[in-house]
Amino acid sequence: MQVADANPLGIGDYVPGIESVDLTLGGSIKGDFGYGIKANTEYNSNFFLTDGDEESDVAVFIAPWIQYTSDPEGGALATFRANYRPTMRFYNDNSDLNNVDQNGDFVLDLQGSRTNVSIFGRYSELTGTDQFTGNFVTGRVFTGGVRGGRQIAPRTSLFGNLSYAKSTFDSSLDEGAQVFTGQLGGLWEYSPRLEIGSSLRYTRTKSNNTGSRDAIAVLGEARYRFGERIWFSASLGPEFATNSEPGSDDTLNLTGRLTGKYVISELWTFGTSLVNSTVPSPTETNYLVNDLYITTTLERNFRRGQLQTGLNYRFSKYDEVGAVGNNLTDEHNVSVFAGYYRPLYSDRLNLNTMVSYSTNSGNIDWSRVLVNIGLQADF
């Protein structure tokens, strides 16, 4: 699903992230460079996501990382930021799967008096048992593009983005995809708290499994902010799509995304998001996966550290775009999780823990428990 994200780095997000710390990477930049290392152990009760005959495993992940920024103090007209983190994987019962995943990204920000432009790129190698393929897979996703905005009047602004993403798999049984996205829109400041507007989005998706899909969406845009306590951003509208496969029908669906954050008090924060995307099935010919992902998180801050709990729900609907050989069942996936973060001794050594329980119903019914405990040192 990551190949469908036109903005994987969250550039220009209106709603700030719920977490005040990163439970997966974290770290800070002292001067121009920041670097550190994270090591964590994970217990997986159902490593291959099977229905019955579950096989558990324990893995160790070691991830050194380095970050760079050209402007650590802020305020420069041009800023370059880059991150690199290789992740070494060691499995106890599946040592033949041990390897190293490469991950990196960069952003070049150009800031003018009324215009801002960001050029970005991200490369990620992903490894694990995939919900949609039903196999342990190794793949990679590259996303690159440009995003920008311009203030054309005291209360009116324009924004736009162009991005290209590509996913590939090492296995010849799994097929990656290419996604091109272009969007142009505008916002009008109705009041100091509320901005409303609209946008036009074009998406072209291509895969050897499904051919090409061209979709145009007309979206209503709304952004609301109440002081430093409530943020809300939403886009919603119809999307008209055509597919290149013979015998496929044109479709008209509702699409969009939503993000919200509510600072209940100094101790409690609530966040939620909803994302809708469509990508080709990596294993089945002439099937698209129309995916709806909803997440909610509740955060409790302590004097040192924080606790996060939440619920994730994913509904993946398989849409036929031509002659198919297998009849697929829609997927329902639910996950509940709790995580705890705490600095140890000094702010340069951090403890991260996470426990989650997931259950899936669809083509394969499975459940899984993940327990993750890690330490991160910032140098």
Foldseek 3Di string as FASTA:
>chain_A
DVLFDQCVPCPPPQDDDQDPADLPAGWDADPFKWWWKKKKKKKKQAQLQFDPPGDIWIKIKIKIKMKGKPCRPDDDQKMKIKMWIKIWMAIDPCRVPTDIKTWMKMWIWGDDPFKIKIWMKIKTWDFGNDPQVSGTWIKMKIKTWMKMKGDPDPFKIKIKIWMKMWMCTPDPQFKIKIKIKIKIWMWGPPDPFKIKIKMKMWMWMAIPQFGIKIKIWIWIWMWGDDPPFKTKIKIKTKMWMDGPEPPFDIDIDIAIKMWMKGRPDPFKIKIKMKHWGKHCRGRWHQKIKTKIKIKIKMKGDDPFKIKIKIKIWMWIDIDGGYDTDDDWWIKIKIKIKMKIKGADPDNQKIKIWMWMKMFMDIPGTGIMIMTMIMMMGMD
